[in-house]
N, C-alpha and C. Protein backbone atom coordinates (compact mmCIF):
# COMPACT_ATOMS: atom_id res chain seq x y z
N MET A 1 18.95 65.57 71.69
CA MET A 1 20.04 65.01 72.11
C MET A 1 21.00 66.32 72.43
N PHE A 2 21.75 65.89 73.34
CA PHE A 2 22.98 66.99 73.89
C PHE A 2 24.31 66.45 73.88
N ASP A 3 25.38 67.44 73.63
CA ASP A 3 26.90 67.18 74.29
C ASP A 3 26.75 67.30 75.88
N LEU A 4 27.84 66.93 76.36
CA LEU A 4 27.94 67.04 77.51
C LEU A 4 28.53 68.64 78.29
N ASP A 5 30.07 68.28 78.07
CA ASP A 5 30.69 69.48 78.85
C ASP A 5 30.64 70.62 77.34
N GLY A 6 30.47 71.84 78.20
CA GLY A 6 29.98 72.90 77.62
C GLY A 6 28.86 73.25 76.84
N THR A 7 28.06 72.33 77.07
CA THR A 7 26.54 72.25 76.30
C THR A 7 25.70 72.31 77.54
N LEU A 8 25.75 70.84 78.35
CA LEU A 8 24.62 71.06 79.30
C LEU A 8 25.35 71.50 80.52
N ALA A 9 26.87 71.24 80.74
CA ALA A 9 27.37 71.45 82.00
C ALA A 9 28.53 71.88 82.00
N ASP A 10 28.80 73.06 82.55
CA ASP A 10 30.26 73.54 82.72
C ASP A 10 31.10 73.20 83.54
N THR A 11 31.76 72.26 82.91
CA THR A 11 32.96 71.68 83.41
C THR A 11 34.14 71.99 83.70
N ALA A 12 34.18 72.91 82.75
CA ALA A 12 35.51 73.66 82.59
C ALA A 12 36.38 73.81 83.66
N PRO A 13 35.74 74.25 84.81
CA PRO A 13 36.39 74.71 86.29
C PRO A 13 37.17 73.63 86.73
N ASP A 14 36.66 72.21 86.96
CA ASP A 14 37.47 71.07 87.34
C ASP A 14 38.34 70.48 85.99
N LEU A 15 37.98 70.65 84.80
CA LEU A 15 39.02 70.22 83.82
C LEU A 15 40.23 70.85 83.97
N ALA A 16 40.24 72.22 84.01
CA ALA A 16 41.13 73.20 84.40
C ALA A 16 41.82 72.48 85.75
N ALA A 17 41.53 72.54 86.83
CA ALA A 17 42.08 71.96 87.93
C ALA A 17 42.86 70.91 87.98
N ALA A 18 42.34 70.08 87.22
CA ALA A 18 43.01 68.66 86.82
C ALA A 18 44.24 69.12 86.21
N THR A 19 43.93 69.64 84.96
CA THR A 19 45.20 70.22 84.53
C THR A 19 46.03 71.03 84.86
N ASN A 20 45.82 71.88 85.63
CA ASN A 20 46.58 72.66 86.55
C ASN A 20 47.65 71.92 87.51
N LEU A 21 46.77 70.81 87.86
CA LEU A 21 47.50 70.00 88.94
C LEU A 21 48.84 69.32 88.52
N LEU A 22 48.79 68.90 87.01
CA LEU A 22 49.81 68.61 86.42
C LEU A 22 50.94 69.53 86.29
N ARG A 23 50.79 70.54 86.03
CA ARG A 23 51.76 71.96 85.99
C ARG A 23 52.12 71.85 87.56
N THR A 24 51.37 72.33 88.57
CA THR A 24 51.91 72.49 89.84
C THR A 24 53.11 71.38 90.58
N ALA A 25 52.59 70.14 89.74
CA ALA A 25 53.20 68.88 90.41
C ALA A 25 54.52 68.98 89.70
N ARG A 26 54.88 69.96 88.78
CA ARG A 26 56.23 69.92 87.93
C ARG A 26 56.91 71.49 88.18
N GLY A 27 56.17 71.98 89.02
CA GLY A 27 56.98 73.28 89.53
C GLY A 27 56.74 74.54 88.97
N LEU A 28 55.63 74.35 88.32
CA LEU A 28 55.20 75.41 87.22
C LEU A 28 54.10 76.25 87.73
N PRO A 29 54.01 77.56 87.11
CA PRO A 29 52.85 78.10 87.81
C PRO A 29 51.56 77.71 87.17
N PRO A 30 50.29 78.00 87.55
CA PRO A 30 48.98 77.16 87.12
C PRO A 30 48.81 78.15 85.69
N ALA A 31 48.36 77.39 84.65
CA ALA A 31 47.88 78.32 83.47
C ALA A 31 46.69 79.06 83.45
N PRO A 32 46.71 80.05 82.81
CA PRO A 32 45.52 80.98 82.85
C PRO A 32 44.46 80.10 82.31
N TYR A 33 43.08 80.39 83.20
CA TYR A 33 42.27 79.71 83.62
C TYR A 33 41.16 79.95 81.92
N GLU A 34 41.20 80.85 81.67
CA GLU A 34 40.54 81.21 80.02
C GLU A 34 41.20 80.56 79.02
N ALA A 35 42.43 80.47 79.01
CA ALA A 35 43.00 79.42 77.83
C ALA A 35 42.97 78.15 77.85
N LEU A 36 42.47 77.64 79.28
CA LEU A 36 41.91 76.28 79.48
C LEU A 36 40.46 75.93 79.25
N ARG A 37 39.57 76.70 79.73
CA ARG A 37 38.02 76.93 79.34
C ARG A 37 37.85 76.92 77.95
N ALA A 38 38.59 77.26 77.13
CA ALA A 38 38.46 77.82 75.86
C ALA A 38 38.46 76.25 74.74
N VAL A 39 39.12 75.57 75.54
CA VAL A 39 39.60 74.22 75.00
C VAL A 39 38.98 72.99 75.85
N ALA A 40 38.31 73.37 76.78
CA ALA A 40 37.42 72.24 77.47
C ALA A 40 36.82 71.26 76.64
N SER A 41 36.40 71.48 75.57
CA SER A 41 35.45 70.51 74.99
C SER A 41 36.58 69.78 74.16
N ALA A 42 37.78 70.14 73.94
CA ALA A 42 38.64 68.94 73.43
C ALA A 42 39.30 68.00 74.41
N GLY A 43 39.02 68.12 75.23
CA GLY A 43 39.22 67.14 76.70
C GLY A 43 40.78 67.16 76.78
N GLY A 44 41.62 65.97 77.30
CA GLY A 44 42.57 65.69 77.54
C GLY A 44 44.06 66.24 76.38
N ARG A 45 43.32 65.92 75.14
CA ARG A 45 44.27 66.69 74.20
C ARG A 45 44.09 68.30 74.14
N GLY A 46 43.32 68.95 74.13
CA GLY A 46 43.13 70.29 74.25
C GLY A 46 43.97 71.02 75.41
N LEU A 47 43.45 70.24 76.70
CA LEU A 47 43.68 71.11 77.88
C LEU A 47 45.43 70.82 77.95
N ILE A 48 45.87 69.76 77.77
CA ILE A 48 47.23 69.23 77.76
C ILE A 48 48.04 69.79 76.97
N GLY A 49 47.40 70.12 75.47
CA GLY A 49 48.28 70.82 74.43
C GLY A 49 47.85 72.57 74.95
N ALA A 50 47.00 72.89 75.55
CA ALA A 50 47.39 74.56 75.90
C ALA A 50 48.25 74.84 77.25
N ALA A 51 48.04 73.35 77.87
CA ALA A 51 49.07 74.13 79.57
C ALA A 51 50.27 73.67 79.14
N PHE A 52 50.98 72.68 78.00
CA PHE A 52 52.05 72.21 77.86
C PHE A 52 52.59 72.44 76.47
N GLY A 53 52.05 72.66 75.55
CA GLY A 53 52.24 72.77 74.25
C GLY A 53 52.90 71.79 73.69
N ILE A 54 52.09 70.58 73.67
CA ILE A 54 52.65 69.16 73.00
C ILE A 54 51.25 68.89 72.56
N THR A 55 51.37 67.78 71.77
CA THR A 55 50.56 66.86 71.00
C THR A 55 50.49 65.32 71.81
N PRO A 56 49.63 64.77 71.11
CA PRO A 56 49.36 63.26 71.84
C PRO A 56 50.68 62.66 70.86
N GLU A 57 51.45 63.11 69.91
CA GLU A 57 52.35 62.59 69.16
C GLU A 57 53.87 62.97 69.65
N ASP A 58 53.85 63.52 70.67
CA ASP A 58 55.14 63.88 71.67
C ASP A 58 55.04 63.02 72.64
N ASP A 59 56.63 63.16 72.83
CA ASP A 59 57.08 62.12 73.86
C ASP A 59 56.56 62.48 75.09
N GLY A 60 56.15 61.78 76.27
CA GLY A 60 55.39 62.48 77.53
C GLY A 60 54.13 62.88 77.60
N TYR A 61 53.40 62.60 76.53
CA TYR A 61 51.91 63.06 76.30
C TYR A 61 51.21 61.81 77.08
N PRO A 62 51.52 60.70 76.84
CA PRO A 62 50.98 59.64 77.54
C PRO A 62 50.79 59.46 78.77
N ASP A 63 52.02 60.00 79.45
CA ASP A 63 51.90 60.21 80.74
C ASP A 63 51.24 60.97 81.45
N LEU A 64 51.24 62.21 80.82
CA LEU A 64 50.61 63.27 81.30
C LEU A 64 49.10 63.22 80.98
N LEU A 65 48.75 62.63 79.93
CA LEU A 65 47.44 62.41 80.09
C LEU A 65 46.82 61.30 80.83
N SER A 66 47.27 60.15 81.06
CA SER A 66 47.34 59.21 82.53
C SER A 66 46.93 59.74 83.88
N GLU A 67 47.91 60.75 84.26
CA GLU A 67 48.13 61.44 85.16
C GLU A 67 46.52 62.71 85.31
N PHE A 68 46.64 63.05 84.14
CA PHE A 68 45.57 64.18 84.16
C PHE A 68 43.98 63.47 84.41
N LEU A 69 43.95 62.28 83.85
CA LEU A 69 42.48 61.60 83.97
C LEU A 69 42.47 61.09 85.36
N ASP A 70 43.72 60.51 85.91
CA ASP A 70 43.28 60.08 87.70
C ASP A 70 43.27 61.69 88.17
N ASN A 71 43.54 62.55 87.85
CA ASN A 71 43.51 63.96 88.29
C ASN A 71 41.77 64.07 88.41
N TYR A 72 41.48 64.15 87.15
CA TYR A 72 39.87 64.44 87.07
C TYR A 72 38.73 63.38 87.51
N GLN A 73 39.16 62.46 87.57
CA GLN A 73 38.32 61.34 88.08
C GLN A 73 38.37 61.58 89.64
N SER A 74 39.01 62.22 90.36
CA SER A 74 38.93 61.75 91.78
C SER A 74 38.44 63.20 92.13
N ALA A 75 38.18 64.28 91.04
CA ALA A 75 37.48 65.90 91.38
C ALA A 75 36.49 66.02 90.46
N LEU A 76 35.65 65.70 89.39
CA LEU A 76 35.24 66.01 88.64
C LEU A 76 33.94 67.05 88.51
N ALA A 77 33.59 66.85 89.78
CA ALA A 77 32.28 67.60 90.01
C ALA A 77 32.14 68.63 91.35
N ILE A 78 33.22 69.10 91.63
CA ILE A 78 33.58 70.12 92.78
C ILE A 78 33.13 71.38 92.52
N ASN A 79 33.41 72.09 91.05
CA ASN A 79 33.08 73.18 90.80
C ASN A 79 32.20 73.16 89.51
N SER A 80 31.88 72.05 88.90
CA SER A 80 31.13 71.67 87.61
C SER A 80 29.45 72.36 88.22
N SER A 81 28.94 72.73 87.01
CA SER A 81 27.45 73.03 87.35
C SER A 81 26.74 72.70 86.23
N LEU A 82 25.40 72.49 86.35
CA LEU A 82 24.35 72.78 84.76
C LEU A 82 24.76 74.46 84.51
N PHE A 83 24.65 74.53 83.03
CA PHE A 83 24.50 76.07 82.70
C PHE A 83 23.41 76.67 83.32
N GLU A 84 23.04 77.94 83.36
CA GLU A 84 22.03 78.63 83.52
C GLU A 84 20.90 78.22 82.60
N GLY A 85 19.74 78.01 82.82
CA GLY A 85 18.59 77.39 81.74
C GLY A 85 18.25 75.95 81.60
N VAL A 86 19.79 75.42 81.92
CA VAL A 86 19.32 73.80 81.43
C VAL A 86 18.46 73.11 82.31
N THR A 87 18.68 73.48 83.51
CA THR A 87 17.22 72.82 84.34
C THR A 87 16.05 72.84 84.06
N PRO A 88 15.49 74.16 83.77
CA PRO A 88 14.33 74.63 83.24
C PRO A 88 13.95 73.99 81.64
N LEU A 89 14.95 73.91 80.86
CA LEU A 89 14.87 73.27 79.59
C LEU A 89 14.49 71.75 79.69
N LEU A 90 15.28 71.39 80.35
CA LEU A 90 14.96 69.72 80.54
C LEU A 90 13.51 69.22 81.21
N GLN A 91 13.31 69.87 82.08
CA GLN A 91 12.01 69.86 82.93
C GLN A 91 10.89 70.06 81.71
N TYR A 92 11.13 71.28 80.80
CA TYR A 92 10.07 71.42 79.82
C TYR A 92 9.94 70.25 78.62
N LEU A 93 11.04 69.75 78.41
CA LEU A 93 11.08 68.62 77.73
C LEU A 93 10.60 67.33 78.27
N ARG A 94 10.54 67.25 79.61
CA ARG A 94 10.24 65.99 80.42
C ARG A 94 8.52 66.32 80.43
N ASN A 95 8.05 67.30 80.88
CA ASN A 95 6.79 67.88 81.14
C ASN A 95 6.06 67.22 79.69
N ASN A 96 6.86 67.98 78.65
CA ASN A 96 5.72 67.50 77.20
C ASN A 96 6.08 66.17 76.29
N SER A 97 6.78 65.09 77.43
CA SER A 97 7.16 63.80 76.86
C SER A 97 8.27 63.99 75.59
N VAL A 98 9.02 65.12 75.60
CA VAL A 98 10.11 65.07 74.58
C VAL A 98 11.47 64.11 75.38
N ALA A 99 11.48 62.97 74.79
CA ALA A 99 12.90 62.31 74.84
C ALA A 99 14.12 63.23 74.80
N TRP A 100 14.97 62.94 75.53
CA TRP A 100 16.25 63.62 75.49
C TRP A 100 17.55 62.82 76.14
N GLY A 101 18.39 62.73 75.44
CA GLY A 101 19.60 62.15 75.78
C GLY A 101 20.89 62.85 75.85
N ILE A 102 22.13 62.44 76.05
CA ILE A 102 23.40 62.92 76.33
C ILE A 102 24.22 61.98 75.31
N VAL A 103 24.93 62.76 74.36
CA VAL A 103 26.03 62.00 73.49
C VAL A 103 27.28 62.74 73.68
N THR A 104 28.23 62.57 74.20
CA THR A 104 29.33 62.78 75.15
C THR A 104 30.89 62.10 74.22
N ASN A 105 31.68 62.78 73.75
CA ASN A 105 32.85 62.10 73.69
C ASN A 105 33.89 61.57 75.31
N LYS A 106 33.32 62.17 76.16
CA LYS A 106 33.92 61.61 77.53
C LYS A 106 33.67 60.20 77.56
N HIS A 107 34.72 59.63 78.04
CA HIS A 107 34.66 57.99 78.11
C HIS A 107 33.53 57.82 79.31
N THR A 108 33.32 56.52 79.43
CA THR A 108 32.13 56.24 80.45
C THR A 108 32.25 56.50 82.14
N ARG A 109 33.63 56.12 82.40
CA ARG A 109 34.03 56.32 83.43
C ARG A 109 34.01 57.48 83.88
N PHE A 110 33.85 58.51 83.31
CA PHE A 110 33.76 59.75 83.71
C PHE A 110 32.45 60.36 83.27
N THR A 111 31.97 59.80 82.51
CA THR A 111 30.48 60.40 82.25
C THR A 111 29.35 59.75 83.45
N ASP A 112 29.64 58.50 84.03
CA ASP A 112 28.58 58.08 84.59
C ASP A 112 29.00 58.68 85.93
N LEU A 113 30.03 59.03 86.30
CA LEU A 113 30.30 59.59 87.75
C LEU A 113 29.99 61.19 87.66
N LEU A 114 29.50 61.99 86.22
CA LEU A 114 29.53 63.36 86.28
C LEU A 114 27.93 63.01 86.35
N VAL A 115 27.26 62.44 85.51
CA VAL A 115 26.13 62.75 85.09
C VAL A 115 25.23 62.29 86.54
N ALA A 116 25.90 61.32 87.19
CA ALA A 116 25.20 60.76 88.79
C ALA A 116 25.11 62.19 89.82
N GLN A 117 26.30 63.21 89.78
CA GLN A 117 26.68 64.26 90.70
C GLN A 117 26.31 65.49 90.16
N ILE A 118 25.79 65.34 88.86
CA ILE A 118 25.51 66.79 88.27
C ILE A 118 24.21 67.36 88.15
N GLY A 119 23.21 66.05 88.36
CA GLY A 119 21.69 66.12 88.56
C GLY A 119 21.18 65.97 86.88
N LEU A 120 21.89 65.02 86.24
CA LEU A 120 21.16 64.40 85.18
C LEU A 120 20.76 62.90 84.55
N GLN A 121 20.32 62.64 86.05
CA GLN A 121 20.13 61.09 85.80
C GLN A 121 18.90 60.79 85.02
N GLN A 122 17.95 61.72 84.85
CA GLN A 122 16.75 61.60 84.19
C GLN A 122 16.79 61.37 82.62
N ALA A 123 18.06 61.56 81.73
CA ALA A 123 18.33 61.73 80.35
C ALA A 123 17.75 60.39 80.22
N ASP A 124 17.34 59.81 79.12
CA ASP A 124 16.64 58.78 78.48
C ASP A 124 17.87 58.10 77.93
N CYS A 125 18.81 58.58 77.67
CA CYS A 125 20.10 57.57 77.06
C CYS A 125 20.88 58.03 77.20
N VAL A 126 22.47 57.73 77.78
CA VAL A 126 23.45 58.34 77.81
C VAL A 126 24.54 57.56 76.80
N ILE A 127 25.12 58.45 76.04
CA ILE A 127 26.04 57.64 74.77
C ILE A 127 27.52 58.23 75.15
N SER A 128 28.58 57.75 75.37
CA SER A 128 29.63 58.25 76.05
C SER A 128 30.63 57.70 74.77
N GLY A 129 32.13 58.41 74.91
CA GLY A 129 33.02 58.28 73.58
C GLY A 129 33.31 56.86 73.56
N ASP A 130 33.19 55.92 74.48
CA ASP A 130 33.46 54.25 74.18
C ASP A 130 32.45 53.71 74.32
N THR A 131 31.27 53.96 74.14
CA THR A 131 30.05 53.18 74.06
C THR A 131 29.99 52.78 72.82
N THR A 132 30.22 53.50 71.61
CA THR A 132 30.59 52.54 70.34
C THR A 132 32.08 52.61 70.00
N PRO A 133 32.39 51.82 68.83
CA PRO A 133 33.53 51.67 68.36
C PRO A 133 34.23 53.34 67.94
N PHE A 134 33.19 54.43 67.74
CA PHE A 134 33.70 55.71 67.17
C PHE A 134 33.55 56.55 68.39
N SER A 135 33.71 57.60 67.93
CA SER A 135 33.53 58.83 68.66
C SER A 135 33.39 60.26 67.48
N LYS A 136 32.58 61.21 67.80
CA LYS A 136 32.49 62.22 67.34
C LYS A 136 33.39 62.60 67.09
N PRO A 137 33.89 63.16 65.65
CA PRO A 137 32.69 63.42 64.92
C PRO A 137 32.01 62.46 64.01
N HIS A 138 32.52 61.27 64.18
CA HIS A 138 31.62 59.99 63.60
C HIS A 138 30.40 60.31 63.84
N PRO A 139 29.41 60.00 63.14
CA PRO A 139 27.74 59.59 63.15
C PRO A 139 27.59 58.73 64.07
N GLU A 140 28.01 57.71 64.37
CA GLU A 140 27.85 56.60 64.97
C GLU A 140 27.16 56.64 66.76
N PRO A 141 27.76 57.36 67.27
CA PRO A 141 27.40 57.85 68.47
C PRO A 141 25.90 58.09 68.85
N LEU A 142 25.67 59.04 67.58
CA LEU A 142 24.32 59.71 67.59
C LEU A 142 23.14 59.00 67.10
N LEU A 143 23.70 58.42 66.31
CA LEU A 143 22.98 56.77 65.44
C LEU A 143 22.52 55.75 66.61
N GLU A 144 23.42 55.38 67.53
CA GLU A 144 23.17 54.60 68.52
C GLU A 144 22.57 55.44 69.59
N ALA A 145 22.11 56.53 69.64
CA ALA A 145 21.24 57.37 70.82
C ALA A 145 19.86 57.17 69.94
N ALA A 146 19.91 57.42 69.12
CA ALA A 146 18.32 57.20 68.12
C ALA A 146 18.10 55.56 68.30
N ARG A 147 18.80 55.01 68.09
CA ARG A 147 18.21 53.69 68.04
C ARG A 147 17.70 53.37 69.27
N ARG A 148 18.51 53.69 70.68
CA ARG A 148 18.01 53.19 71.94
C ARG A 148 16.78 53.98 72.32
N LEU A 149 16.68 55.07 71.89
CA LEU A 149 15.22 55.84 71.59
C LEU A 149 14.18 55.48 71.03
N VAL A 150 14.54 54.80 70.08
CA VAL A 150 13.50 54.13 69.09
C VAL A 150 13.07 55.41 68.30
N LEU A 151 13.99 56.21 67.97
CA LEU A 151 13.63 57.34 66.64
C LEU A 151 14.43 57.47 65.64
N ALA A 152 13.53 57.85 64.50
CA ALA A 152 14.81 58.26 63.16
C ALA A 152 15.71 59.17 63.33
N PRO A 153 16.72 58.96 62.76
CA PRO A 153 17.45 59.79 63.17
C PRO A 153 17.47 61.48 62.66
N GLN A 154 16.40 61.02 61.44
CA GLN A 154 15.68 62.61 60.98
C GLN A 154 14.67 63.44 61.92
N THR A 155 14.37 62.73 62.84
CA THR A 155 13.65 63.54 63.71
C THR A 155 14.27 64.31 64.82
N CYS A 156 15.25 63.69 64.94
CA CYS A 156 16.37 64.31 66.08
C CYS A 156 16.74 65.60 66.00
N TRP A 157 17.22 66.23 67.05
CA TRP A 157 18.21 67.50 67.24
C TRP A 157 19.39 67.45 67.84
N TYR A 158 20.48 67.48 67.73
CA TYR A 158 21.59 67.69 68.47
C TYR A 158 22.44 68.60 68.49
N VAL A 159 22.57 69.18 69.85
CA VAL A 159 22.99 70.39 70.66
C VAL A 159 24.09 69.91 71.20
N GLY A 160 25.01 71.40 70.41
CA GLY A 160 26.64 71.04 70.59
C GLY A 160 27.52 72.21 70.99
N ASP A 161 28.48 72.27 71.42
CA ASP A 161 29.30 73.30 71.40
C ASP A 161 30.54 73.31 70.75
N ASP A 162 30.87 72.53 69.95
CA ASP A 162 32.13 72.16 69.35
C ASP A 162 31.70 71.56 67.93
N LEU A 163 32.67 72.45 66.93
CA LEU A 163 32.57 71.63 65.52
C LEU A 163 32.10 70.23 65.20
N ARG A 164 32.80 69.31 66.32
CA ARG A 164 32.73 68.04 66.04
C ARG A 164 31.22 67.93 66.12
N ASP A 165 30.48 68.51 67.10
CA ASP A 165 29.14 68.23 67.21
C ASP A 165 28.36 68.18 66.16
N ILE A 166 28.76 69.62 65.61
CA ILE A 166 27.81 70.14 64.02
C ILE A 166 28.21 69.01 63.35
N GLN A 167 29.51 68.32 62.99
CA GLN A 167 29.79 67.37 61.93
C GLN A 167 28.97 66.05 62.03
N ALA A 168 28.96 65.98 63.45
CA ALA A 168 28.43 64.36 63.65
C ALA A 168 26.95 64.65 63.53
N GLY A 169 26.39 65.56 64.05
CA GLY A 169 24.65 65.76 63.76
C GLY A 169 24.59 65.48 62.23
N ARG A 170 25.10 66.48 61.08
CA ARG A 170 25.16 66.35 60.04
C ARG A 170 25.22 65.33 59.61
N ALA A 171 26.30 64.49 59.62
CA ALA A 171 26.41 63.31 59.02
C ALA A 171 25.39 61.96 59.72
N ALA A 172 24.77 62.49 60.72
CA ALA A 172 23.50 61.15 61.28
C ALA A 172 22.66 61.49 60.69
N GLY A 173 22.22 62.78 59.89
CA GLY A 173 21.11 63.12 59.33
C GLY A 173 19.85 63.88 60.44
N MET A 174 20.40 64.78 61.53
CA MET A 174 19.76 65.30 62.56
C MET A 174 20.10 66.91 62.28
N LEU A 175 18.87 67.30 62.83
CA LEU A 175 18.76 68.90 62.75
C LEU A 175 20.42 69.26 63.75
N THR A 176 20.86 70.30 63.37
CA THR A 176 22.05 70.51 64.42
C THR A 176 21.89 71.80 64.79
N ILE A 177 22.46 72.03 66.17
CA ILE A 177 22.33 73.22 66.81
C ILE A 177 23.40 73.67 67.82
N ALA A 178 24.49 74.86 67.31
CA ALA A 178 25.20 75.31 67.95
C ALA A 178 24.93 76.01 69.18
N ALA A 179 25.40 75.31 70.36
CA ALA A 179 25.41 76.09 71.77
C ALA A 179 26.40 77.29 71.82
N ALA A 180 25.96 78.77 71.53
CA ALA A 180 26.95 79.55 71.34
C ALA A 180 27.42 79.83 72.71
N TRP A 181 26.43 79.34 74.17
CA TRP A 181 26.75 79.69 75.50
C TRP A 181 28.18 79.05 75.78
N GLY A 182 28.57 77.49 74.91
CA GLY A 182 29.72 76.97 75.43
C GLY A 182 30.92 77.63 75.41
N TYR A 183 31.85 76.21 75.24
CA TYR A 183 33.12 76.82 75.07
C TYR A 183 33.57 77.14 73.95
N CYS A 184 33.15 76.39 72.58
CA CYS A 184 33.28 76.42 71.17
C CYS A 184 34.67 76.74 70.79
N GLY A 185 35.78 76.31 71.02
CA GLY A 185 37.30 76.32 71.01
C GLY A 185 37.36 77.60 70.30
N ALA A 186 38.29 77.61 69.27
CA ALA A 186 38.95 78.77 68.65
C ALA A 186 37.87 79.27 67.61
N LYS A 187 37.20 78.56 67.36
CA LYS A 187 36.38 78.65 66.14
C LYS A 187 34.78 79.28 66.00
N GLU A 188 34.42 80.10 65.33
CA GLU A 188 32.88 80.75 66.09
C GLU A 188 32.09 80.23 65.40
N PRO A 189 30.97 79.87 65.71
CA PRO A 189 29.99 78.57 65.47
C PRO A 189 29.37 78.96 64.07
N LEU A 190 29.53 80.34 63.58
CA LEU A 190 29.03 80.67 62.39
C LEU A 190 29.87 79.87 61.44
N SER A 191 30.70 79.50 61.44
CA SER A 191 31.24 78.69 60.20
C SER A 191 31.24 77.40 60.30
N TRP A 192 30.50 77.31 61.31
CA TRP A 192 30.38 75.64 61.51
C TRP A 192 29.15 74.93 60.36
N GLY A 193 28.09 75.63 59.83
CA GLY A 193 27.00 75.06 58.99
C GLY A 193 26.07 74.42 59.97
N ALA A 194 25.81 74.93 61.34
CA ALA A 194 24.96 74.54 61.90
C ALA A 194 23.23 75.15 61.23
N ASP A 195 22.36 74.36 61.39
CA ASP A 195 21.18 74.62 60.99
C ASP A 195 20.22 75.86 61.95
N HIS A 196 21.01 75.54 63.61
CA HIS A 196 20.55 77.21 64.15
C HIS A 196 21.67 77.23 65.02
N ILE A 197 21.85 78.80 65.19
CA ILE A 197 22.96 78.79 66.49
C ILE A 197 21.98 79.82 67.60
N VAL A 198 22.19 79.01 69.08
CA VAL A 198 21.52 79.37 70.09
C VAL A 198 22.31 80.14 70.87
N GLU A 199 21.96 81.25 71.80
CA GLU A 199 22.82 82.18 72.63
C GLU A 199 22.59 81.66 74.13
N THR A 200 21.42 80.85 74.35
CA THR A 200 20.94 80.68 75.76
C THR A 200 20.27 79.26 75.68
N PRO A 201 20.42 78.42 76.75
CA PRO A 201 19.69 77.09 76.67
C PRO A 201 18.24 77.59 76.23
N LEU A 202 17.68 78.57 76.89
CA LEU A 202 16.28 78.52 76.97
C LEU A 202 15.74 78.94 75.59
N GLU A 203 16.54 79.68 74.69
CA GLU A 203 16.15 79.82 73.20
C GLU A 203 16.13 78.73 72.47
N LEU A 204 16.42 77.84 73.29
CA LEU A 204 15.93 76.34 72.12
C LEU A 204 14.55 76.30 72.35
N LEU A 205 13.81 76.91 73.61
CA LEU A 205 12.32 76.80 73.63
C LEU A 205 11.52 77.50 72.72
N GLU A 206 12.02 78.15 72.14
CA GLU A 206 11.55 79.20 70.96
C GLU A 206 11.85 78.23 69.71
N LEU A 207 12.67 77.54 69.31
CA LEU A 207 12.97 76.63 68.69
C LEU A 207 12.07 75.47 68.27
N LEU A 208 11.41 74.91 69.71
CA LEU A 208 10.62 74.00 69.77
C LEU A 208 9.41 74.24 69.39
N ASP A 209 8.93 75.50 69.95
CA ASP A 209 7.36 76.39 69.39
C ASP A 209 7.66 76.85 68.21
N SER A 210 8.41 76.41 67.48
CA SER A 210 8.46 77.35 65.94
C SER A 210 7.90 76.34 64.83
N PRO A 211 7.05 76.57 64.29
CA PRO A 211 6.18 75.89 63.43
C PRO A 211 7.28 75.59 62.17
N THR A 212 8.21 76.57 61.93
CA THR A 212 9.05 76.28 61.02
C THR A 212 10.27 75.41 60.85
N VAL A 213 10.49 75.02 62.39
CA VAL A 213 11.73 74.18 62.07
C VAL A 213 11.56 72.50 61.71
């Protein structure tokens, strides 16, 4: 199972664009792309925080979030793409009858559009942030994915680029893999306690072929 933003797909360009529309609509210059990219896995909370220096508890945040989500929904696959190596990785899984799915905190209304437009329709299951009553780092979304795939959680791997991904995977009893090619936020994957850290999607193939994993 894979996280979506920052793991399978490089969605930061469109997330940053939706964020900077908020700034330009208010007469502010765009925020630096690299500052927004670093927090892309945190969604609206992280992006609005980086662009405006506010948190969900601050006045004005709900209106900014609503506007951000509308901006994003209208243009969520303009410059987003799968990371290099993801397509052959997923083809390998398909060719070898390895089930794979997506578990993301992105809400269904965005997940379904993005999956359809970016070429991930072959996923065996897709769990969004509102599929269950919980979102990562709670393990329930991962456990729901395992149920839908009819797999025991301890036989599953979860790959993600955020601390919450590793926390959720560990809590679900899955083998956890930190995707170091992703956004990774402000913390280094070395500190997350993942079972493995991989630098590229194709390095996962080496783990799949390893008899010691």
